[in-house]
PDB file of N, CA and C in Angstrom:
ATOM      1  N   MET A   1       0.846  -1.183   0.000  1.00  0.00           N
ATOM      2  CA  MET A   1       0.000   0.000   0.000  1.00  0.00           C
ATOM      3  C   MET A   1       0.893   1.247   0.000  1.00  0.00           C
ATOM      4  N   SER A   2       0.631   2.156  -0.889  1.00  0.00           N
ATOM      5  CA  SER A   2       1.444   3.372  -0.949  1.00  0.00           C
ATOM      6  C   SER A   2       0.950   4.373   0.092  1.00  0.00           C
ATOM      7  N   GLU A   3       1.828   5.329   0.429  1.00  0.00           N
ATOM      8  CA  GLU A   3       1.451   6.353   1.406  1.00  0.00           C
ATOM      9  C   GLU A   3       0.261   7.170   0.903  1.00  0.00           C
ATOM     10  N   LYS A   4       0.118   7.249  -0.400  1.00  0.00           N
ATOM     11  CA  LYS A   4      -0.997   7.978  -0.991  1.00  0.00           C
ATOM     12  C   LYS A   4      -2.338   7.340  -0.610  1.00  0.00           C
ATOM     13  N   ASP A   5      -2.329   6.019  -0.345  1.00  0.00           N
ATOM     14  CA  ASP A   5      -3.552   5.296  -0.012  1.00  0.00           C
ATOM     15  C   ASP A   5      -3.811   5.186   1.489  1.00  0.00           C
ATOM     16  N   LEU A   6      -2.961   5.777   2.309  1.00  0.00           N
ATOM     17  CA  LEU A   6      -3.104   5.662   3.758  1.00  0.00           C
ATOM     18  C   LEU A   6      -4.396   6.304   4.252  1.00  0.00           C
ATOM     19  N   THR A   7      -5.001   5.667   5.221  1.00  0.00           N
ATOM     20  CA  THR A   7      -6.124   6.236   5.954  1.00  0.00           C
ATOM     21  C   THR A   7      -5.687   6.303   7.413  1.00  0.00           C
ATOM     22  N   VAL A   8      -5.905   7.435   8.048  1.00  0.00           N
ATOM     23  CA  VAL A   8      -5.513   7.589   9.450  1.00  0.00           C
ATOM     24  C   VAL A   8      -6.731   8.024  10.261  1.00  0.00           C
ATOM     25  N   THR A   9      -6.670   7.738  11.562  1.00  0.00           N
ATOM     26  CA  THR A   9      -7.720   8.153  12.482  1.00  0.00           C
ATOM     27  C   THR A   9      -7.236   9.366  13.266  1.00  0.00           C
ATOM     28  N   LEU A  10      -7.993  10.437  13.187  1.00  0.00           N
ATOM     29  CA  LEU A  10      -7.692  11.643  13.953  1.00  0.00           C
ATOM     30  C   LEU A  10      -8.719  11.784  15.066  1.00  0.00           C
ATOM     31  N   HIS A  11      -8.261  12.213  16.217  1.00  0.00           N
ATOM     32  CA  HIS A  11      -9.148  12.483  17.342  1.00  0.00           C
ATOM     33  C   HIS A  11      -9.345  13.992  17.395  1.00  0.00           C
ATOM     34  N   PHE A  12     -10.568  14.415  17.669  1.00  0.00           N
ATOM     35  CA  PHE A  12     -10.827  15.846  17.671  1.00  0.00           C
ATOM     36  C   PHE A  12     -11.643  16.279  18.876  1.00  0.00           C
ATOM     37  N   LYS A  13     -11.470  17.529  19.240  1.00  0.00           N
ATOM     38  CA  LYS A  13     -12.306  18.186  20.232  1.00  0.00           C
ATOM     39  C   LYS A  13     -12.637  19.559  19.673  1.00  0.00           C
ATOM     40  N   ARG A  14     -13.932  19.841  19.582  1.00  0.00           N
ATOM     41  CA  ARG A  14     -14.385  21.123  19.048  1.00  0.00           C
ATOM     42  C   ARG A  14     -15.187  21.828  20.117  1.00  0.00           C
ATOM     43  N   ASN A  15     -14.839  23.084  20.372  1.00  0.00           N
ATOM     44  CA  ASN A  15     -15.568  23.923  21.323  1.00  0.00           C
ATOM     45  C   ASN A  15     -16.092  25.151  20.611  1.00  0.00           C
ATOM     46  N   CYS A  16     -17.255  25.601  21.030  1.00  0.00           N
ATOM     47  CA  CYS A  16     -17.815  26.847  20.534  1.00  0.00           C
ATOM     48  C   CYS A  16     -18.359  27.623  21.733  1.00  0.00           C
ATOM     49  N   THR A  17     -17.872  28.832  21.911  1.00  0.00           N
ATOM     50  CA  THR A  17     -18.354  29.694  22.982  1.00  0.00           C
ATOM     51  C   THR A  17     -19.038  30.892  22.351  1.00  0.00           C
ATOM     52  N   THR A  18     -20.301  31.089  22.709  1.00  0.00           N
ATOM     53  CA  THR A  18     -21.058  32.218  22.185  1.00  0.00           C
ATOM     54  C   THR A  18     -21.384  33.176  23.317  1.00  0.00           C
ATOM     55  N   GLU A  19     -21.443  34.431  22.970  1.00  0.00           N
ATOM     56  CA  GLU A  19     -21.808  35.448  23.954  1.00  0.00           C
ATOM     57  C   GLU A  19     -22.822  36.374  23.317  1.00  0.00           C
ATOM     58  N   ASP A  20     -23.938  36.611  24.043  1.00  0.00           N
ATOM     59  CA  ASP A  20     -24.947  37.514  23.481  1.00  0.00           C
ATOM     60  C   ASP A  20     -24.626  38.952  23.867  1.00  0.00           C
ATOM     61  N   ILE A  21     -25.399  39.893  23.333  1.00  0.00           N
ATOM     62  CA  ILE A  21     -25.087  41.302  23.571  1.00  0.00           C
ATOM     63  C   ILE A  21     -25.272  41.704  25.025  1.00  0.00           C
ATOM     64  N   GLY A  22     -25.951  40.877  25.816  1.00  0.00           N
ATOM     65  CA  GLY A  22     -26.104  41.154  27.247  1.00  0.00           C
ATOM     66  C   GLY A  22     -24.974  40.589  28.082  1.00  0.00           C
ATOM     67  N   GLY A  23     -24.030  39.892  27.468  1.00  0.00           N
ATOM     68  CA  GLY A  23     -22.888  39.337  28.193  1.00  0.00           C
ATOM     69  C   GLY A  23     -23.081  37.896  28.641  1.00  0.00           C
ATOM     70  N   LYS A  24     -24.246  37.306  28.376  1.00  0.00           N
ATOM     71  CA  LYS A  24     -24.482  35.912  28.730  1.00  0.00           C
ATOM     72  C   LYS A  24     -23.740  35.020  27.742  1.00  0.00           C
ATOM     73  N   SER A  25     -23.021  34.000  28.254  1.00  0.00           N
ATOM     74  CA  SER A  25     -22.276  33.126  27.353  1.00  0.00           C
ATOM     75  C   SER A  25     -22.758  31.681  27.480  1.00  0.00           C
ATOM     76  N   ASP A  26     -22.475  30.926  26.442  1.00  0.00           N
ATOM     77  CA  ASP A  26     -22.859  29.522  26.374  1.00  0.00           C
ATOM     78  C   ASP A  26     -21.743  28.789  25.634  1.00  0.00           C
ATOM     79  N   THR A  27     -21.354  27.613  26.138  1.00  0.00           N
ATOM     80  CA  THR A  27     -20.303  26.827  25.489  1.00  0.00           C
ATOM     81  C   THR A  27     -20.840  25.454  25.124  1.00  0.00           C
ATOM     82  N   THR A  28     -20.568  25.054  23.897  1.00  0.00           N
ATOM     83  CA  THR A  28     -20.900  23.700  23.463  1.00  0.00           C
ATOM     84  C   THR A  28     -19.604  23.015  23.051  1.00  0.00           C
ATOM     85  N   SER A  29     -19.570  21.707  23.203  1.00  0.00           N
ATOM     86  CA  SER A  29     -18.370  20.993  22.808  1.00  0.00           C
ATOM     87  C   SER A  29     -18.739  19.648  22.215  1.00  0.00           C
ATOM     88  N   GLU A  30     -17.862  19.155  21.387  1.00  0.00           N
ATOM     89  CA  GLU A  30     -18.060  17.888  20.687  1.00  0.00           C
ATOM     90  C   GLU A  30     -16.687  17.240  20.577  1.00  0.00           C
ATOM     91  N   SER A  31     -16.627  15.927  20.759  1.00  0.00           N
ATOM     92  CA  SER A  31     -15.355  15.234  20.578  1.00  0.00           C
ATOM     93  C   SER A  31     -15.628  13.869  19.959  1.00  0.00           C
ATOM     94  N   GLY A  32     -14.585  13.313  19.377  1.00  0.00           N
ATOM     95  CA  GLY A  32     -14.725  12.016  18.740  1.00  0.00           C
ATOM     96  C   GLY A  32     -13.521  11.705  17.889  1.00  0.00           C
ATOM     97  N   SER A  33     -13.691  10.790  16.972  1.00  0.00           N
ATOM     98  CA  SER A  33     -12.605  10.450  16.057  1.00  0.00           C
ATOM     99  C   SER A  33     -13.179  10.281  14.655  1.00  0.00           C
ATOM    100  N   ILE A  34     -12.330  10.552  13.677  1.00  0.00           N
ATOM    101  CA  ILE A  34     -12.719  10.449  12.272  1.00  0.00           C
ATOM    102  C   ILE A  34     -11.587   9.795  11.493  1.00  0.00           C
ATOM    103  N   GLU A  35     -11.942   9.041  10.475  1.00  0.00           N
ATOM    104  CA  GLU A  35     -10.947   8.471   9.566  1.00  0.00           C
ATOM    105  C   GLU A  35     -10.853   9.374   8.353  1.00  0.00           C
ATOM    106  N   VAL A  36      -9.627   9.695   7.960  1.00  0.00           N
ATOM    107  CA  VAL A  36      -9.416  10.560   6.799  1.00  0.00           C
ATOM    108  C   VAL A  36      -8.377   9.956   5.868  1.00  0.00           C
ATOM    109  N   SER A  37      -8.509  10.297   4.606  1.00  0.00           N
ATOM    110  CA  SER A  37      -7.545   9.915   3.575  1.00  0.00           C
ATOM    111  C   SER A  37      -7.089  11.183   2.879  1.00  0.00           C
ATOM    112  N   GLN A  38      -6.014  11.068   2.110  1.00  0.00           N
ATOM    113  CA  GLN A  38      -5.504  12.215   1.368  1.00  0.00           C
ATOM    114  C   GLN A  38      -6.588  12.776   0.451  1.00  0.00           C
ATOM    115  N   GLY A  39      -6.768  14.094   0.463  1.00  0.00           N
ATOM    116  CA  GLY A  39      -7.760  14.755  -0.368  1.00  0.00           C
ATOM    117  C   GLY A  39      -9.086  15.010   0.332  1.00  0.00           C
ATOM    118  N   ASP A  40      -9.302  14.390   1.494  1.00  0.00           N
ATOM    119  CA  ASP A  40     -10.554  14.571   2.230  1.00  0.00           C
ATOM    120  C   ASP A  40     -10.642  15.953   2.868  1.00  0.00           C
ATOM    121  N   ALA A  41     -11.860  16.459   2.960  1.00  0.00           N
ATOM    122  CA  ALA A  41     -12.156  17.629   3.790  1.00  0.00           C
ATOM    123  C   ALA A  41     -12.663  17.081   5.116  1.00  0.00           C
ATOM    124  N   LEU A  42     -12.309  17.739   6.210  1.00  0.00           N
ATOM    125  CA  LEU A  42     -12.750  17.247   7.512  1.00  0.00           C
ATOM    126  C   LEU A  42     -14.249  17.480   7.680  1.00  0.00           C
ATOM    127  N   PRO A  43     -14.999  16.440   8.036  1.00  0.00           N
ATOM    128  CA  PRO A  43     -16.449  16.573   8.186  1.00  0.00           C
ATOM    129  C   PRO A  43     -16.833  17.067   9.579  1.00  0.00           C
ATOM    130  N   ILE A  44     -16.228  18.169  10.008  1.00  0.00           N
ATOM    131  CA  ILE A  44     -16.478  18.720  11.340  1.00  0.00           C
ATOM    132  C   ILE A  44     -17.108  20.094  11.183  1.00  0.00           C
ATOM    133  N   ALA A  45     -18.249  20.294  11.815  1.00  0.00           N
ATOM    134  CA  ALA A  45     -18.989  21.556  11.694  1.00  0.00           C
ATOM    135  C   ALA A  45     -18.098  22.761  11.926  1.00  0.00           C
ATOM    136  N   LYS A  46     -18.257  23.771  11.101  1.00  0.00           N
ATOM    137  CA  LYS A  46     -17.528  25.042  11.157  1.00  0.00           C
ATOM    138  C   LYS A  46     -16.053  24.918  10.787  1.00  0.00           C
ATOM    139  N   PHE A  47     -15.555  23.697  10.537  1.00  0.00           N
ATOM    140  CA  PHE A  47     -14.154  23.515  10.147  1.00  0.00           C
ATOM    141  C   PHE A  47     -14.052  22.656   8.883  1.00  0.00           C
ATOM    142  N   ARG A  48     -15.088  22.662   8.083  1.00  0.00           N
ATOM    143  CA  ARG A  48     -15.116  21.821   6.879  1.00  0.00           C
ATOM    144  C   ARG A  48     -14.152  22.299   5.791  1.00  0.00           C
ATOM    145  N   ASP A  49     -13.587  23.480   5.948  1.00  0.00           N
ATOM    146  CA  ASP A  49     -12.649  23.976   4.935  1.00  0.00           C
ATOM    147  C   ASP A  49     -11.235  23.424   5.134  1.00  0.00           C
ATOM    148  N   ILE A  50     -11.003  22.648   6.194  1.00  0.00           N
ATOM    149  CA  ILE A  50      -9.690  22.038   6.420  1.00  0.00           C
ATOM    150  C   ILE A  50      -9.609  20.772   5.573  1.00  0.00           C
ATOM    151  N   LYS A  51      -8.572  20.702   4.743  1.00  0.00           N
ATOM    152  CA  LYS A  51      -8.398  19.565   3.840  1.00  0.00           C
ATOM    153  C   LYS A  51      -7.114  18.808   4.183  1.00  0.00           C
ATOM    154  N   VAL A  52      -7.146  17.496   3.967  1.00  0.00           N
ATOM    155  CA  VAL A  52      -5.962  16.653   4.136  1.00  0.00           C
ATOM    156  C   VAL A  52      -5.187  16.724   2.828  1.00  0.00           C
ATOM    157  N   LEU A  53      -4.102  17.478   2.826  1.00  0.00           N
ATOM    158  CA  LEU A  53      -3.322  17.686   1.607  1.00  0.00           C
ATOM    159  C   LEU A  53      -2.361  16.538   1.313  1.00  0.00           C
ATOM    160  N   GLU A  54      -1.811  15.949   2.376  1.00  0.00           N
ATOM    161  CA  GLU A  54      -0.823  14.883   2.191  1.00  0.00           C
ATOM    162  C   GLU A  54      -0.763  14.038   3.457  1.00  0.00           C
ATOM    163  N   ILE A  55      -0.675  12.716   3.285  1.00  0.00           N
ATOM    164  CA  ILE A  55      -0.481  11.802   4.412  1.00  0.00           C
ATOM    165  C   ILE A  55       0.808  11.033   4.171  1.00  0.00           C
ATOM    166  N   CYS A  56       1.705  11.092   5.137  1.00  0.00           N
ATOM    167  CA  CYS A  56       2.937  10.310   5.116  1.00  0.00           C
ATOM    168  C   CYS A  56       2.958   9.458   6.382  1.00  0.00           C
ATOM    169  N   SER A  57       3.909   8.573   6.488  1.00  0.00           N
ATOM    170  CA  SER A  57       3.956   7.696   7.649  1.00  0.00           C
ATOM    171  C   SER A  57       4.236   8.442   8.950  1.00  0.00           C
ATOM    172  N   GLU A  58       4.855   9.614   8.876  1.00  0.00           N
ATOM    173  CA  GLU A  58       5.208  10.355  10.088  1.00  0.00           C
ATOM    174  C   GLU A  58       4.501  11.695  10.246  1.00  0.00           C
ATOM    175  N   TYR A  59       3.828  12.168   9.213  1.00  0.00           N
ATOM    176  CA  TYR A  59       3.117  13.446   9.340  1.00  0.00           C
ATOM    177  C   TYR A  59       1.951  13.537   8.369  1.00  0.00           C
ATOM    178  N   ILE A  60       1.047  14.448   8.680  1.00  0.00           N
ATOM    179  CA  ILE A  60      -0.092  14.774   7.816  1.00  0.00           C
ATOM    180  C   ILE A  60      -0.027  16.273   7.557  1.00  0.00           C
ATOM    181  N   ARG A  61      -0.131  16.678   6.304  1.00  0.00           N
ATOM    182  CA  ARG A  61      -0.143  18.106   5.958  1.00  0.00           C
ATOM    183  C   ARG A  61      -1.596  18.515   5.757  1.00  0.00           C
ATOM    184  N   LEU A  62      -2.027  19.509   6.536  1.00  0.00           N
ATOM    185  CA  LEU A  62      -3.403  19.989   6.520  1.00  0.00           C
ATOM    186  C   LEU A  62      -3.473  21.395   5.965  1.00  0.00           C
ATOM    187  N   GLY A  63      -4.483  21.673   5.170  1.00  0.00           N
ATOM    188  CA  GLY A  63      -4.714  23.018   4.648  1.00  0.00           C
ATOM    189  C   GLY A  63      -6.006  23.567   5.210  1.00  0.00           C
ATOM    190  N   GLY A  64      -6.209  24.834   5.017  1.00  0.00           N
ATOM    191  CA  GLY A  64      -7.398  25.521   5.524  1.00  0.00           C
ATOM    192  C   GLY A  64      -7.070  26.995   5.573  1.00  0.00           C
ATOM    193  N   ASP A  65      -7.489  27.669   6.638  1.00  0.00           N
ATOM    194  CA  ASP A  65      -7.119  29.079   6.770  1.00  0.00           C
ATOM    195  C   ASP A  65      -5.615  29.232   6.961  1.00  0.00           C
ATOM    196  N   LYS A  66      -4.957  28.158   7.432  1.00  0.00           N
ATOM    197  CA  LYS A  66      -3.492  28.105   7.501  1.00  0.00           C
ATOM    198  C   LYS A  66      -3.070  26.668   7.286  1.00  0.00           C
ATOM    199  N   GLU A  67      -1.936  26.480   6.628  1.00  0.00           N
ATOM    200  CA  GLU A  67      -1.418  25.131   6.408  1.00  0.00           C
ATOM    201  C   GLU A  67      -0.629  24.715   7.639  1.00  0.00           C
ATOM    202  N   GLN A  68      -0.862  23.486   8.098  1.00  0.00           N
ATOM    203  CA  GLN A  68      -0.162  22.988   9.278  1.00  0.00           C
ATOM    204  C   GLN A  68       0.310  21.561   9.044  1.00  0.00           C
ATOM    205  N   ILE A  69       1.360  21.174   9.762  1.00  0.00           N
ATOM    206  CA  ILE A  69       1.879  19.815   9.737  1.00  0.00           C
ATOM    207  C   ILE A  69       1.526  19.161  11.072  1.00  0.00           C
ATOM    208  N   LEU A  70       0.832  18.036  10.989  1.00  0.00           N
ATOM    209  CA  LEU A  70       0.465  17.268  12.180  1.00  0.00           C
ATOM    210  C   LEU A  70       1.353  16.029  12.221  1.00  0.00           C
ATOM    211  N   HIS A  71       2.228  15.965  13.228  1.00  0.00           N
ATOM    212  CA  HIS A  71       3.130  14.827  13.378  1.00  0.00           C
ATOM    213  C   HIS A  71       2.455  13.724  14.175  1.00  0.00           C
ATOM    214  N   LYS A  72       2.843  12.488  13.898  1.00  0.00           N
ATOM    215  CA  LYS A  72       2.313  11.341  14.635  1.00  0.00           C
ATOM    216  C   LYS A  72       2.609  11.531  16.124  1.00  0.00           C
ATOM    217  N   GLY A  73       1.592  11.343  16.962  1.00  0.00           N
ATOM    218  CA  GLY A  73       1.754  11.497  18.404  1.00  0.00           C
ATOM    219  C   GLY A  73       1.627  12.934  18.879  1.00  0.00           C
ATOM    220  N   SER A  74       1.174  13.829  18.010  1.00  0.00           N
ATOM    221  CA  SER A  74       1.087  15.245  18.353  1.00  0.00           C
ATOM    222  C   SER A  74      -0.306  15.781  18.020  1.00  0.00           C
ATOM    223  N   TYR A  75      -0.464  17.110  18.147  1.00  0.00           N
ATOM    224  CA  TYR A  75      -1.736  17.737  17.810  1.00  0.00           C
ATOM    225  C   TYR A  75      -1.518  19.116  17.207  1.00  0.00           C
ATOM    226  N   VAL A  76      -2.539  19.610  16.518  1.00  0.00           N
ATOM    227  CA  VAL A  76      -2.565  20.981  16.001  1.00  0.00           C
ATOM    228  C   VAL A  76      -3.908  21.590  16.391  1.00  0.00           C
ATOM    229  N   THR A  77      -3.981  22.910  16.375  1.00  0.00           N
ATOM    230  CA  THR A  77      -5.227  23.587  16.711  1.00  0.00           C
ATOM    231  C   THR A  77      -5.596  24.587  15.612  1.00  0.00           C
ATOM    232  N   TYR A  78      -6.880  24.806  15.476  1.00  0.00           N
ATOM    233  CA  TYR A  78      -7.439  25.827  14.596  1.00  0.00           C
ATOM    234  C   TYR A  78      -8.457  26.617  15.412  1.00  0.00           C
ATOM    235  N   SER A  79      -8.576  27.905  15.144  1.00  0.00           N
ATOM    236  CA  SER A  79      -9.599  28.697  15.820  1.00  0.00           C
ATOM    237  C   SER A  79      -9.980  29.889  14.960  1.00  0.00           C
ATOM    238  N   TRP A  80     -11.197  30.377  15.171  1.00  0.00           N
ATOM    239  CA  TRP A  80     -11.651  31.595  14.505  1.00  0.00           C
ATOM    240  C   TRP A  80     -12.846  32.160  15.253  1.00  0.00           C
ATOM    241  N   THR A  81     -13.087  33.440  15.052  1.00  0.00           N
ATOM    242  CA  THR A  81     -14.178  34.144  15.723  1.00  0.00           C
ATOM    243  C   THR A  81     -15.110  34.755  14.693  1.00  0.00           C
ATOM    244  N   GLU A  82     -16.384  34.570  14.938  1.00  0.00           N
ATOM    245  CA  GLU A  82     -17.422  35.169  14.105  1.00  0.00           C
ATOM    246  C   GLU A  82     -18.056  36.283  14.939  1.00  0.00           C
ATOM    247  N   ASP A  83     -18.108  37.494  14.413  1.00  0.00           N
ATOM    248  CA  ASP A  83     -18.649  38.628  15.158  1.00  0.00           C
ATOM    249  C   ASP A  83     -20.014  39.036  14.641  1.00  0.00           C
ATOM    250  N   GLY A  84     -20.899  39.364  15.578  1.00  0.00           N
ATOM    251  CA  GLY A  84     -22.161  40.019  15.289  1.00  0.00           C
ATOM    252  C   GLY A  84     -23.092  39.356  14.310  1.00  0.00           C
ATOM    253  N   TYR A  85     -23.997  38.541  14.794  1.00  0.00           N
ATOM    254  CA  TYR A  85     -25.013  37.956  13.918  1.00  0.00           C
ATOM    255  C   TYR A  85     -26.277  37.695  14.734  1.00  0.00           C
ATOM    256  N   GLU A  86     -27.362  37.490  14.031  1.00  0.00           N
ATOM    257  CA  GLU A  86     -28.642  37.171  14.665  1.00  0.00           C
ATOM    258  C   GLU A  86     -29.003  35.738  14.301  1.00  0.00           C
ATOM    259  N   ASP A  87     -29.308  34.912  15.316  1.00  0.00           N
ATOM    260  CA  ASP A  87     -29.631  33.518  15.022  1.00  0.00           C
ATOM    261  C   ASP A  87     -31.099  33.359  14.615  1.00  0.00           C
ATOM    262  N   HIS A  88     -31.503  32.125  14.320  1.00  0.00           N
ATOM    263  CA  HIS A  88     -32.853  31.863  13.823  1.00  0.00           C
ATOM    264  C   HIS A  88     -33.942  32.136  14.862  1.00  0.00           C
ATOM    265  N   ASP A  89     -33.566  32.264  16.156  1.00  0.00           N
ATOM    266  CA  ASP A  89     -34.534  32.598  17.206  1.00  0.00           C
ATOM    267  C   ASP A  89     -34.605  34.094  17.469  1.00  0.00           C
ATOM    268  N   GLY A  90     -33.846  34.883  16.706  1.00  0.00           N
ATOM    269  CA  GLY A  90     -33.852  36.325  16.882  1.00  0.00           C
ATOM    270  C   GLY A  90     -32.905  36.832  17.952  1.00  0.00           C
ATOM    271  N   VAL A  91     -32.080  35.931  18.514  1.00  0.00           N
ATOM    272  CA  VAL A  91     -31.098  36.347  19.523  1.00  0.00           C
ATOM    273  C   VAL A  91     -29.891  36.935  18.807  1.00  0.00           C
ATOM    274  N   VAL A  92     -29.455  38.109  19.257  1.00  0.00           N
ATOM    275  CA  VAL A  92     -28.287  38.757  18.666  1.00  0.00           C
ATOM    276  C   VAL A  92     -27.061  38.375  19.480  1.00  0.00           C
ATOM    277  N   TRP A  93     -26.096  37.765  18.803  1.00  0.00           N
ATOM    278  CA  TRP A  93     -24.855  37.335  19.442  1.00  0.00           C
ATOM    279  C   TRP A  93     -23.752  38.308  19.073  1.00  0.00           C
ATOM    280  N   SER A  94     -22.943  38.678  20.055  1.00  0.00           N
ATOM    281  CA  SER A  94     -21.842  39.593  19.768  1.00  0.00           C
ATOM    282  C   SER A  94     -20.612  38.846  19.281  1.00  0.00           C
ATOM    283  N   THR A  95     -20.363  37.633  19.808  1.00  0.00           N
ATOM    284  CA  THR A  95     -19.218  36.830  19.349  1.00  0.00           C
ATOM    285  C   THR A  95     -19.562  35.356  19.359  1.00  0.00           C
ATOM    286  N   ASP A  96     -18.858  34.628  18.560  1.00  0.00           N
ATOM    287  CA  ASP A  96     -18.986  33.184  18.444  1.00  0.00           C
ATOM    288  C   ASP A  96     -17.564  32.672  18.216  1.00  0.00           C
ATOM    289  N   ASP A  97     -16.929  32.114  19.250  1.00  0.00           N
ATOM    290  CA  ASP A  97     -15.539  31.654  19.168  1.00  0.00           C
ATOM    291  C   ASP A  97     -15.498  30.146  18.934  1.00  0.00           C
ATOM    292  N   HIS A  98     -14.802  29.736  17.893  1.00  0.00           N
ATOM    293  CA  HIS A  98     -14.694  28.323  17.530  1.00  0.00           C
ATOM    294  C   HIS A  98     -13.252  27.860  17.724  1.00  0.00           C
ATOM    295  N   PHE A  99     -13.083  26.683  18.324  1.00  0.00           N
ATOM    296  CA  PHE A  99     -11.761  26.129  18.593  1.00  0.00           C
ATOM    297  C   PHE A  99     -11.779  24.642  18.251  1.00  0.00           C
ATOM    298  N   LEU A 100     -10.736  24.177  17.553  1.00  0.00           N
ATOM    299  CA  LEU A 100     -10.633  22.770  17.181  1.00  0.00           C
ATOM    300  C   LEU A 100      -9.230  22.267  17.493  1.00  0.00           C
ATOM    301  N   LYS A 101      -9.164  21.123  18.175  1.00  0.00           N
ATOM    302  CA  LYS A 101      -7.893  20.442  18.426  1.00  0.00           C
ATOM    303  C   LYS A 101      -7.944  19.112  17.687  1.00  0.00           C
ATOM    304  N   LEU A 102      -6.968  18.881  16.796  1.00  0.00           N
ATOM    305  CA  LEU A 102      -6.829  17.621  16.074  1.00  0.00           C
ATOM    306  C   LEU A 102      -5.610  16.886  16.584  1.00  0.00           C
ATOM    307  N   GLU A 103      -5.784  15.621  16.914  1.00  0.00           N
ATOM    308  CA  GLU A 103      -4.702  14.849  17.497  1.00  0.00           C
ATOM    309  C   GLU A 103      -4.510  13.556  16.714  1.00  0.00           C
ATOM    310  N   TRP A 104      -3.244  13.211  16.436  1.00  0.00           N
ATOM    311  CA  TRP A 104      -2.905  11.956  15.774  1.00  0.00           C
ATOM    312  C   TRP A 104      -2.133  11.131  16.776  1.00  0.00           C
ATOM    313  N   ARG A 105      -2.827  10.220  17.433  1.00  0.00           N
ATOM    314  CA  ARG A 105      -2.219   9.395  18.492  1.00  0.00           C
ATOM    315  C   ARG A 105      -1.460   8.229  17.889  1.00  0.00           C
ATOM    316  N   GLU A 106      -0.415   7.827  18.582  1.00  0.00           N
ATOM    317  CA  GLU A 106       0.377   6.674  18.120  1.00  0.00           C
ATOM    318  C   GLU A 106      -0.292   5.378  18.532  1.00  0.00           C
TER     319      GLU A 106
END
């Protein structure tokens, strides 16, 4: 099997912290594992623009808002903030902070 055909399991933790205009905040989190192959986009809400550019036996090259190298036994993080929007219930949120940790365990 060539390295091009490798499938790896990544463990993830995704957090989202929202704050409304009154200062009330709410945090949601999700964790789990996903199998990815070269060329895949990560099927994780709000982080679907991260793509698996290359898989080698010792590292994975990830693209997205920034390109990162994830080494075996290590982790990388992605984060971004969305400012000022109104949700479907009419609540106005001042910020929405998204954080993702991807880990490739040995």
